[in-house]
Amino acid sequence: MDSRKIREKFLHYFKDHGHEIVKSASLVPQDDPTLLFINAGMAPFKNLFLGLEKRSYTRATSSQKCVRAGGKHNDLNEVGYTNRHHTFFEMLGNFSFGDYFKEGAIDMAWELLTAGYGIPEKKLWVSVYTDDDEAYKIWNENIGVPHEKILRLGGEDNFWSMGNTGPCGPCSEIYIDQGAEVGCGKPTCKPGCGCDRYLEIWNLVFTQYNREPDGALTPLPRPNIDTGMGLERLAAVLQGVYSNYDSDLFVDIVQLTEELAELRYGQDSKRDISFKVIADHSRTAAFLIADGIMPSNEGRGYVLRRIIRRAIRYGQVLGLKGPFLHRLTDKVVDLMNPDYPELGQSKRFIEEVVINEEQRFADTLFHGLSLLKEEMDQLRSKESHIIPGSLIFRLYDTFGFPPDLVEDIARDDDFSIDLEGFDKAMAEQRATSQRSWKGSGQEVIPEIYRMLDSRGLDCRFLGYETLRAEGKVIS
């Protein structure tokens, strides 16, 4: 079953069960300063969970665009090193706003997985929060899952929250046994082990509380249901592959990278890291730009810039010379446009933004990598595998070479980095700059402003209100 049919089956199953199909929200949160990006399917419904907003429906379903590359939920550094982590993904979800609760959520999830998608019941395991006897009873008595296939796990695994504040509650996770051949081989292996044998595919969150800024849990006006299942994981399971990158959502992007690099994916595990990073990051870049985010040095724009530059660096590992990433974002647009038309509408713009960023970063990457390689060779000759903070600072200060890329390179070459030393060097530079400003600029700038003020200068920043304004040159 291809990914489009998987998505469609999910949405229409819940539509047939009284849910409103809700279009994916933008990746940029609306009126929510607590989030850098939309990072879960429930995020656009946050005010409904809090009882602050009412809509015409009490049941909803969606396939929500999500990015986890900053804030509490940040998978950026895991991408490439596992088969299932992504910075961009689609979250399939069904939601109840004071309508059905645990029993309804569990019944529908089980029916869709087994009868709808045809997953054998014998392959499925579940977990519940350690003291959630109600959920345990539903799984065992209503659904018929045997006791030995129901695990009670603690808060780290089975208590979900969107962020440091906001809706939260105990959850129940559904796992699929992918077979001993992809497991760790330990006799104690079971869901929650961390190996690839038991893959979590669906998380049912029983949202009962709001976490306040002081950490207190306040009961919500009405208990709610928030479920999330990654389309990428489900596609891999239903298509019979162990890696998300072998599913139809990624295979065309990986194949284009193979053509550009004249290398094969799947023949060298270390080299495969680069293929995975490029495939993931090209999707993220395309979707972020389509939603109006531009590369910059702060906030969301900095995350986008970091993602693009990380992909460029891994392209160089594969021997790719010159701009290449825009070719892959074009492929992403072609693949995903039928379901996300905003991509097609922004195709030319996405290409221009990515090419521009590639060209800007070319010199930085060349000079920075040359110096870093030279210094790492010297460190190896001294049998040292720690990149000093002073070098990281020099790369950043001289070439604008990002510290996070140094961290990636160090990780790939079995080095560690002295981030504490880098932070110290940065602090010293700031202190020096402040002393310089206090000793010179402070004396000059006020004098200029005093002169202009004597002429009736009225200086107000209008950038938050308009992109264009008129002014008068008076000096």
Foldseek 3Di string as FASTA:
>chain_A
DALVVVLVLLQVLVVVVVAAEDEADAQPDDPDPQDLGAAAPCRNVQCLQQVNDDDPGQKHWYFYKHAACDAPRHCLVVFLVDQDDFRIFTKTKMKGRQDDFLLVVVVSVVCCVCVVLNDDPVFKAKEWAQPPVVNVCSCCPVVNDDPVRYYHDHDVPFKDDPHLWGWIAGKMWMWGALDPVQAPPDPPDDPVPPTLGIHTFKIKTFTQFTQDNVRDTHGRPHTMIIMIGTSLVVQCVSVVHSGSCPGPLNVVLLVVLCVQLVHDAPPDSLLSSLSRLLSRLLLVLLSNVLSPAAQDVDRPNVSNLVSLVLNVLSSVVSVHDADDSLVSNLVNCVVCCVPPVSSVVCSVVSSVRSNVSRVVCVVLSVVLVVVVVVVCVVCVVVVAQEAELVSLLCSCVPRVRDSVVVCVVSVSVVGHYDVVRVVVVVVVVVVVVVVVCVVPVVVVVVVVVVVVVVVVDDDDDCVVPDPDDDDDDDD
